[in-house]
Amino acid sequence: MFDKVFGPASQQRDLYEQAVSPIVNEVLEGYNCTIFAYGQTGTGKHYTRKEVQGRRGVVPRAVRQIFDILEAQIAEYQHESHVP
């Protein structure tokens, strides 16, 4: 059984808002969560992990959402970038 299935005409933003954003909120509430991307080769799973042609995938959107929420809560956090 699947929670959600998105077809080939689905937009990255719609997928994120419907399936990922609620999970990110649960992570910030302290729950352990997993997002499992499954599909045939060439269906866009890799695209969901990074930024391609100026468009954000799932992972960059989730990171941005986390920091936006923390900043809105005026939460104290430490951001360390390991990317040169």
PDB file of N, CA and C in Angstrom:
ATOM      1  N   MET A   1       0.843  -1.168   0.000  1.00  0.00           N
ATOM      2  CA  MET A   1       0.000   0.000   0.000  1.00  0.00           C
ATOM      3  C   MET A   1       0.899   1.246   0.000  1.00  0.00           C
ATOM      4  N   PHE A   2       0.520   2.248  -0.751  1.00  0.00           N
ATOM      5  CA  PHE A   2       1.276   3.489  -0.855  1.00  0.00           C
ATOM      6  C   PHE A   2       0.457   4.635  -0.290  1.00  0.00           C
ATOM      7  N   ASP A   3       1.143   5.610   0.297  1.00  0.00           N
ATOM      8  CA  ASP A   3       0.454   6.810   0.773  1.00  0.00           C
ATOM      9  C   ASP A   3       0.064   7.709  -0.395  1.00  0.00           C
ATOM     10  N   LYS A   4       0.992   7.861  -1.337  1.00  0.00           N
ATOM     11  CA  LYS A   4       0.737   8.713  -2.492  1.00  0.00           C
ATOM     12  C   LYS A   4       1.492   8.158  -3.691  1.00  0.00           C
ATOM     13  N   VAL A   5       0.937   8.369  -4.869  1.00  0.00           N
ATOM     14  CA  VAL A   5       1.596   8.003  -6.120  1.00  0.00           C
ATOM     15  C   VAL A   5       1.451   9.198  -7.050  1.00  0.00           C
ATOM     16  N   PHE A   6       2.538   9.587  -7.704  1.00  0.00           N
ATOM     17  CA  PHE A   6       2.522  10.735  -8.603  1.00  0.00           C
ATOM     18  C   PHE A   6       2.852  10.271 -10.011  1.00  0.00           C
ATOM     19  N   GLY A   7       2.085  10.733 -10.965  1.00  0.00           N
ATOM     20  CA  GLY A   7       2.270  10.341 -12.358  1.00  0.00           C
ATOM     21  C   GLY A   7       3.323  11.175 -13.059  1.00  0.00           C
ATOM     22  N   PRO A   8       3.559  10.873 -14.339  1.00  0.00           N
ATOM     23  CA  PRO A   8       4.611  11.548 -15.091  1.00  0.00           C
ATOM     24  C   PRO A   8       4.365  13.041 -15.303  1.00  0.00           C
ATOM     25  N   ALA A   9       3.148  13.499 -15.220  1.00  0.00           N
ATOM     26  CA  ALA A   9       2.854  14.924 -15.402  1.00  0.00           C
ATOM     27  C   ALA A   9       2.949  15.708 -14.093  1.00  0.00           C
ATOM     28  N   SER A  10       3.298  15.045 -13.010  1.00  0.00           N
ATOM     29  CA  SER A  10       3.378  15.702 -11.704  1.00  0.00           C
ATOM     30  C   SER A  10       4.491  16.735 -11.680  1.00  0.00           C
ATOM     31  N   GLN A  11       4.253  17.806 -10.957  1.00  0.00           N
ATOM     32  CA  GLN A  11       5.255  18.858 -10.792  1.00  0.00           C
ATOM     33  C   GLN A  11       5.989  18.651  -9.473  1.00  0.00           C
ATOM     34  N   GLN A  12       7.274  19.003  -9.442  1.00  0.00           N
ATOM     35  CA  GLN A  12       8.099  18.845  -8.250  1.00  0.00           C
ATOM     36  C   GLN A  12       7.485  19.578  -7.048  1.00  0.00           C
ATOM     37  N   ARG A  13       6.976  20.771  -7.276  1.00  0.00           N
ATOM     38  CA  ARG A  13       6.373  21.558  -6.200  1.00  0.00           C
ATOM     39  C   ARG A  13       5.154  20.847  -5.599  1.00  0.00           C
ATOM     40  N   ASP A  14       4.311  20.264  -6.459  1.00  0.00           N
ATOM     41  CA  ASP A  14       3.126  19.552  -5.976  1.00  0.00           C
ATOM     42  C   ASP A  14       3.510  18.335  -5.153  1.00  0.00           C
ATOM     43  N   LEU A  15       4.477  17.581  -5.648  1.00  0.00           N
ATOM     44  CA  LEU A  15       4.968  16.420  -4.918  1.00  0.00           C
ATOM     45  C   LEU A  15       5.478  16.846  -3.544  1.00  0.00           C
ATOM     46  N   TYR A  16       6.261  17.915  -3.521  1.00  0.00           N
ATOM     47  CA  TYR A  16       6.838  18.362  -2.257  1.00  0.00           C
ATOM     48  C   TYR A  16       5.747  18.791  -1.279  1.00  0.00           C
ATOM     49  N   GLU A  17       4.830  19.634  -1.743  1.00  0.00           N
ATOM     50  CA  GLU A  17       3.792  20.161  -0.855  1.00  0.00           C
ATOM     51  C   GLU A  17       2.869  19.066  -0.316  1.00  0.00           C
ATOM     52  N   GLN A  18       2.545  18.083  -1.144  1.00  0.00           N
ATOM     53  CA  GLN A  18       1.606  17.042  -0.726  1.00  0.00           C
ATOM     54  C   GLN A  18       2.247  15.918   0.065  1.00  0.00           C
ATOM     55  N   ALA A  19       3.470  15.533  -0.309  1.00  0.00           N
ATOM     56  CA  ALA A  19       4.058  14.335   0.287  1.00  0.00           C
ATOM     57  C   ALA A  19       5.217  14.595   1.232  1.00  0.00           C
ATOM     58  N   VAL A  20       5.997  15.636   1.005  1.00  0.00           N
ATOM     59  CA  VAL A  20       7.225  15.826   1.777  1.00  0.00           C
ATOM     60  C   VAL A  20       7.076  16.872   2.879  1.00  0.00           C
ATOM     61  N   SER A  21       6.482  17.993   2.573  1.00  0.00           N
ATOM     62  CA  SER A  21       6.367  19.073   3.548  1.00  0.00           C
ATOM     63  C   SER A  21       5.759  18.619   4.880  1.00  0.00           C
ATOM     64  N   PRO A  22       4.674  17.827   4.867  1.00  0.00           N
ATOM     65  CA  PRO A  22       4.140  17.356   6.148  1.00  0.00           C
ATOM     66  C   PRO A  22       5.131  16.478   6.928  1.00  0.00           C
ATOM     67  N   ILE A  23       5.952  15.727   6.200  1.00  0.00           N
ATOM     68  CA  ILE A  23       6.943  14.873   6.865  1.00  0.00           C
ATOM     69  C   ILE A  23       8.034  15.720   7.497  1.00  0.00           C
ATOM     70  N   VAL A  24       8.451  16.781   6.818  1.00  0.00           N
ATOM     71  CA  VAL A  24       9.460  17.685   7.386  1.00  0.00           C
ATOM     72  C   VAL A  24       8.928  18.290   8.685  1.00  0.00           C
ATOM     73  N   ASN A  25       7.657  18.664   8.701  1.00  0.00           N
ATOM     74  CA  ASN A  25       7.066  19.194   9.932  1.00  0.00           C
ATOM     75  C   ASN A  25       7.104  18.161  11.054  1.00  0.00           C
ATOM     76  N   GLU A  26       6.847  16.904  10.732  1.00  0.00           N
ATOM     77  CA  GLU A  26       6.899  15.847  11.743  1.00  0.00           C
ATOM     78  C   GLU A  26       8.323  15.644  12.260  1.00  0.00           C
ATOM     79  N   VAL A  27       9.305  15.772  11.387  1.00  0.00           N
ATOM     80  CA  VAL A  27      10.709  15.674  11.819  1.00  0.00           C
ATOM     81  C   VAL A  27      11.005  16.745  12.858  1.00  0.00           C
ATOM     82  N   LEU A  28      10.527  17.946  12.607  1.00  0.00           N
ATOM     83  CA  LEU A  28      10.777  19.049  13.546  1.00  0.00           C
ATOM     84  C   LEU A  28       9.991  18.895  14.847  1.00  0.00           C
ATOM     85  N   GLU A  29       9.004  18.017  14.847  1.00  0.00           N
ATOM     86  CA  GLU A  29       8.274  17.701  16.079  1.00  0.00           C
ATOM     87  C   GLU A  29       8.948  16.567  16.841  1.00  0.00           C
ATOM     88  N   GLY A  30      10.006  15.995  16.264  1.00  0.00           N
ATOM     89  CA  GLY A  30      10.771  14.969  16.950  1.00  0.00           C
ATOM     90  C   GLY A  30      10.552  13.547  16.468  1.00  0.00           C
ATOM     91  N   TYR A  31       9.790  13.371  15.406  1.00  0.00           N
ATOM     92  CA  TYR A  31       9.550  12.034  14.881  1.00  0.00           C
ATOM     93  C   TYR A  31      10.663  11.623  13.915  1.00  0.00           C
ATOM     94  N   ASN A  32      10.981  10.335  13.880  1.00  0.00           N
ATOM     95  CA  ASN A  32      11.892   9.801  12.870  1.00  0.00           C
ATOM     96  C   ASN A  32      11.073   9.523  11.625  1.00  0.00           C
ATOM     97  N   CYS A  33      11.509  10.024  10.491  1.00  0.00           N
ATOM     98  CA  CYS A  33      10.753   9.874   9.251  1.00  0.00           C
ATOM     99  C   CYS A  33      11.663   9.445   8.110  1.00  0.00           C
ATOM    100  N   THR A  34      11.075   8.762   7.139  1.00  0.00           N
ATOM    101  CA  THR A  34      11.805   8.328   5.953  1.00  0.00           C
ATOM    102  C   THR A  34      10.973   8.627   4.718  1.00  0.00           C
ATOM    103  N   ILE A  35      11.630   9.112   3.706  1.00  0.00           N
ATOM    104  CA  ILE A  35      10.985   9.300   2.412  1.00  0.00           C
ATOM    105  C   ILE A  35      11.658   8.317   1.468  1.00  0.00           C
ATOM    106  N   PHE A  36      10.886   7.423   0.899  1.00  0.00           N
ATOM    107  CA  PHE A  36      11.412   6.375   0.038  1.00  0.00           C
ATOM    108  C   PHE A  36      10.995   6.675  -1.391  1.00  0.00           C
ATOM    109  N   ALA A  37      11.979   6.920  -2.261  1.00  0.00           N
ATOM    110  CA  ALA A  37      11.699   7.183  -3.677  1.00  0.00           C
ATOM    111  C   ALA A  37      11.986   5.924  -4.478  1.00  0.00           C
ATOM    112  N   TYR A  38      10.977   5.420  -5.142  1.00  0.00           N
ATOM    113  CA  TYR A  38      11.102   4.182  -5.902  1.00  0.00           C
ATOM    114  C   TYR A  38      10.585   4.408  -7.304  1.00  0.00           C
ATOM    115  N   GLY A  39      11.289   3.893  -8.264  1.00  0.00           N
ATOM    116  CA  GLY A  39      10.798   4.006  -9.626  1.00  0.00           C
ATOM    117  C   GLY A  39      11.811   3.516 -10.636  1.00  0.00           C
ATOM    118  N   GLN A  40      11.359   3.407 -11.848  1.00  0.00           N
ATOM    119  CA  GLN A  40      12.182   2.941 -12.955  1.00  0.00           C
ATOM    120  C   GLN A  40      13.326   3.919 -13.201  1.00  0.00           C
ATOM    121  N   THR A  41      14.424   3.420 -13.717  1.00  0.00           N
ATOM    122  CA  THR A  41      15.552   4.267 -14.089  1.00  0.00           C
ATOM    123  C   THR A  41      15.082   5.346 -15.057  1.00  0.00           C
ATOM    124  N   GLY A  42      15.524   6.577 -14.785  1.00  0.00           N
ATOM    125  CA  GLY A  42      15.176   7.686 -15.662  1.00  0.00           C
ATOM    126  C   GLY A  42      13.872   8.376 -15.318  1.00  0.00           C
ATOM    127  N   THR A  43      13.275   8.042 -14.166  1.00  0.00           N
ATOM    128  CA  THR A  43      11.984   8.654 -13.818  1.00  0.00           C
ATOM    129  C   THR A  43      12.117   9.902 -12.949  1.00  0.00           C
ATOM    130  N   GLY A  44      13.346  10.308 -12.619  1.00  0.00           N
ATOM    131  CA  GLY A  44      13.523  11.567 -11.897  1.00  0.00           C
ATOM    132  C   GLY A  44      13.880  11.447 -10.438  1.00  0.00           C
ATOM    133  N   LYS A  45      14.204  10.267  -9.977  1.00  0.00           N
ATOM    134  CA  LYS A  45      14.555  10.118  -8.555  1.00  0.00           C
ATOM    135  C   LYS A  45      15.793  10.934  -8.208  1.00  0.00           C
ATOM    136  N   HIS A  46      16.782  10.911  -9.083  1.00  0.00           N
ATOM    137  CA  HIS A  46      18.012  11.657  -8.817  1.00  0.00           C
ATOM    138  C   HIS A  46      17.732  13.153  -8.798  1.00  0.00           C
ATOM    139  N   TYR A  47      16.861  13.605  -9.674  1.00  0.00           N
ATOM    140  CA  TYR A  47      16.482  15.017  -9.730  1.00  0.00           C
ATOM    141  C   TYR A  47      15.893  15.477  -8.401  1.00  0.00           C
ATOM    142  N   THR A  48      15.184  14.599  -7.715  1.00  0.00           N
ATOM    143  CA  THR A  48      14.548  14.997  -6.463  1.00  0.00           C
ATOM    144  C   THR A  48      15.561  15.290  -5.368  1.00  0.00           C
ATOM    145  N   ARG A  49      16.806  14.855  -5.535  1.00  0.00           N
ATOM    146  CA  ARG A  49      17.812  15.033  -4.493  1.00  0.00           C
ATOM    147  C   ARG A  49      18.640  16.289  -4.657  1.00  0.00           C
ATOM    148  N   LYS A  50      18.588  16.950  -5.781  1.00  0.00           N
ATOM    149  CA  LYS A  50      19.488  18.079  -6.010  1.00  0.00           C
ATOM    150  C   LYS A  50      18.789  19.203  -6.765  1.00  0.00           C
ATOM    151  N   GLU A  51      19.560  20.238  -7.073  1.00  0.00           N
ATOM    152  CA  GLU A  51      19.040  21.347  -7.858  1.00  0.00           C
ATOM    153  C   GLU A  51      19.485  21.158  -9.292  1.00  0.00           C
ATOM    154  N   VAL A  52      18.536  21.174 -10.217  1.00  0.00           N
ATOM    155  CA  VAL A  52      18.827  20.976 -11.623  1.00  0.00           C
ATOM    156  C   VAL A  52      18.262  22.153 -12.405  1.00  0.00           C
ATOM    157  N   GLN A  53      19.094  22.779 -13.208  1.00  0.00           N
ATOM    158  CA  GLN A  53      18.676  23.896 -14.062  1.00  0.00           C
ATOM    159  C   GLN A  53      17.938  24.971 -13.275  1.00  0.00           C
ATOM    160  N   GLY A  54      18.447  25.280 -12.079  1.00  0.00           N
ATOM    161  CA  GLY A  54      17.853  26.342 -11.268  1.00  0.00           C
ATOM    162  C   GLY A  54      16.585  25.957 -10.540  1.00  0.00           C
ATOM    163  N   ARG A  55      16.151  24.714 -10.669  1.00  0.00           N
ATOM    164  CA  ARG A  55      14.938  24.264  -9.975  1.00  0.00           C
ATOM    165  C   ARG A  55      15.325  23.338  -8.841  1.00  0.00           C
ATOM    166  N   ARG A  56      14.765  23.586  -7.673  1.00  0.00           N
ATOM    167  CA  ARG A  56      15.109  22.792  -6.498  1.00  0.00           C
ATOM    168  C   ARG A  56      14.377  21.468  -6.481  1.00  0.00           C
ATOM    169  N   GLY A  57      15.095  20.437  -6.056  1.00  0.00           N
ATOM    170  CA  GLY A  57      14.508  19.131  -5.845  1.00  0.00           C
ATOM    171  C   GLY A  57      13.997  19.012  -4.422  1.00  0.00           C
ATOM    172  N   VAL A  58      13.636  17.818  -4.020  1.00  0.00           N
ATOM    173  CA  VAL A  58      13.046  17.564  -2.708  1.00  0.00           C
ATOM    174  C   VAL A  58      14.018  17.884  -1.569  1.00  0.00           C
ATOM    175  N   VAL A  59      15.249  17.412  -1.666  1.00  0.00           N
ATOM    176  CA  VAL A  59      16.206  17.617  -0.564  1.00  0.00           C
ATOM    177  C   VAL A  59      16.496  19.101  -0.345  1.00  0.00           C
ATOM    178  N   PRO A  60      16.843  19.880  -1.379  1.00  0.00           N
ATOM    179  CA  PRO A  60      17.054  21.303  -1.139  1.00  0.00           C
ATOM    180  C   PRO A  60      15.809  22.018  -0.603  1.00  0.00           C
ATOM    181  N   ARG A  61      14.635  21.615  -1.053  1.00  0.00           N
ATOM    182  CA  ARG A  61      13.399  22.221  -0.540  1.00  0.00           C
ATOM    183  C   ARG A  61      13.213  21.899   0.944  1.00  0.00           C
ATOM    184  N   ALA A  62      13.500  20.646   1.326  1.00  0.00           N
ATOM    185  CA  ALA A  62      13.344  20.239   2.722  1.00  0.00           C
ATOM    186  C   ALA A  62      14.313  20.996   3.626  1.00  0.00           C
ATOM    187  N   VAL A  63      15.548  21.124   3.188  1.00  0.00           N
ATOM    188  CA  VAL A  63      16.540  21.861   3.984  1.00  0.00           C
ATOM    189  C   VAL A  63      16.097  23.312   4.142  1.00  0.00           C
ATOM    190  N   ARG A  64      15.631  23.921   3.060  1.00  0.00           N
ATOM    191  CA  ARG A  64      15.161  25.313   3.132  1.00  0.00           C
ATOM    192  C   ARG A  64      13.973  25.428   4.077  1.00  0.00           C
ATOM    193  N   GLN A  65      13.042  24.483   4.009  1.00  0.00           N
ATOM    194  CA  GLN A  65      11.875  24.501   4.887  1.00  0.00           C
ATOM    195  C   GLN A  65      12.294  24.400   6.350  1.00  0.00           C
ATOM    196  N   ILE A  66      13.226  23.516   6.646  1.00  0.00           N
ATOM    197  CA  ILE A  66      13.703  23.361   8.028  1.00  0.00           C
ATOM    198  C   ILE A  66      14.281  24.663   8.549  1.00  0.00           C
ATOM    199  N   PHE A  67      15.167  25.291   7.775  1.00  0.00           N
ATOM    200  CA  PHE A  67      15.780  26.536   8.236  1.00  0.00           C
ATOM    201  C   PHE A  67      14.776  27.679   8.298  1.00  0.00           C
ATOM    202  N   ASP A  68      13.821  27.718   7.380  1.00  0.00           N
ATOM    203  CA  ASP A  68      12.778  28.752   7.445  1.00  0.00           C
ATOM    204  C   ASP A  68      11.962  28.623   8.730  1.00  0.00           C
ATOM    205  N   ILE A  69      11.605  27.396   9.094  1.00  0.00           N
ATOM    206  CA  ILE A  69      10.825  27.173  10.317  1.00  0.00           C
ATOM    207  C   ILE A  69      11.646  27.546  11.546  1.00  0.00           C
ATOM    208  N   LEU A  70      12.900  27.115  11.579  1.00  0.00           N
ATOM    209  CA  LEU A  70      13.753  27.441  12.728  1.00  0.00           C
ATOM    210  C   LEU A  70      13.941  28.949  12.873  1.00  0.00           C
ATOM    211  N   GLU A  71      14.136  29.640  11.757  1.00  0.00           N
ATOM    212  CA  GLU A  71      14.294  31.092  11.806  1.00  0.00           C
ATOM    213  C   GLU A  71      13.001  31.774  12.253  1.00  0.00           C
ATOM    214  N   ALA A  72      11.855  31.262  11.808  1.00  0.00           N
ATOM    215  CA  ALA A  72      10.568  31.844  12.209  1.00  0.00           C
ATOM    216  C   ALA A  72      10.322  31.658  13.702  1.00  0.00           C
ATOM    217  N   GLN A  73      10.847  30.566  14.257  1.00  0.00           N
ATOM    218  CA  GLN A  73      10.692  30.302  15.689  1.00  0.00           C
ATOM    219  C   GLN A  73      11.781  30.976  16.506  1.00  0.00           C
ATOM    220  N   ILE A  74      12.665  31.669  15.819  1.00  0.00           N
ATOM    221  CA  ILE A  74      13.833  32.281  16.441  1.00  0.00           C
ATOM    222  C   ILE A  74      14.591  31.227  17.263  1.00  0.00           C
ATOM    223  N   ALA A  75      14.684  30.045  16.680  1.00  0.00           N
ATOM    224  CA  ALA A  75      15.381  28.935  17.331  1.00  0.00           C
ATOM    225  C   ALA A  75      16.881  29.113  17.167  1.00  0.00           C
ATOM    226  N   GLU A  76      17.604  28.601  18.119  1.00  0.00           N
ATOM    227  CA  GLU A  76      19.049  28.645  18.040  1.00  0.00           C
ATOM    228  C   GLU A  76      19.519  27.363  17.373  1.00  0.00           C
ATOM    229  N   TYR A  77      20.310  27.498  16.347  1.00  0.00           N
ATOM    230  CA  TYR A  77      20.863  26.339  15.667  1.00  0.00           C
ATOM    231  C   TYR A  77      22.220  26.719  15.106  1.00  0.00           C
ATOM    232  N   GLN A  78      22.982  25.701  14.762  1.00  0.00           N
ATOM    233  CA  GLN A  78      24.303  25.924  14.188  1.00  0.00           C
ATOM    234  C   GLN A  78      24.324  25.309  12.812  1.00  0.00           C
ATOM    235  N   HIS A  79      24.697  26.104  11.833  1.00  0.00           N
ATOM    236  CA  HIS A  79      24.769  25.637  10.446  1.00  0.00           C
ATOM    237  C   HIS A  79      26.231  25.519  10.069  1.00  0.00           C
ATOM    238  N   GLU A  80      26.646  24.309   9.713  1.00  0.00           N
ATOM    239  CA  GLU A  80      28.010  24.086   9.265  1.00  0.00           C
ATOM    240  C   GLU A  80      27.967  23.553   7.855  1.00  0.00           C
ATOM    241  N   SER A  81      28.599  24.270   6.961  1.00  0.00           N
ATOM    242  CA  SER A  81      28.643  23.827   5.583  1.00  0.00           C
ATOM    243  C   SER A  81      29.935  23.056   5.344  1.00  0.00           C
ATOM    244  N   HIS A  82      29.774  21.860   4.797  1.00  0.00           N
ATOM    245  CA  HIS A  82      30.946  21.058   4.454  1.00  0.00           C
ATOM    246  C   HIS A  82      31.226  21.116   2.965  1.00  0.00           C
ATOM    247  N   VAL A  83      30.508  21.989   2.285  1.00  0.00           N
ATOM    248  CA  VAL A  83      30.705  22.146   0.849  1.00  0.00           C
ATOM    249  C   VAL A  83      31.626  23.330   0.621  1.00  0.00           C
ATOM    250  N   PRO A  84      32.715  23.139  -0.122  1.00  0.00           N
ATOM    251  CA  PRO A  84      33.655  24.252  -0.371  1.00  0.00           C
ATOM    252  C   PRO A  84      33.039  25.364  -1.158  1.00  0.00           C
TER     253      PRO A  84
END
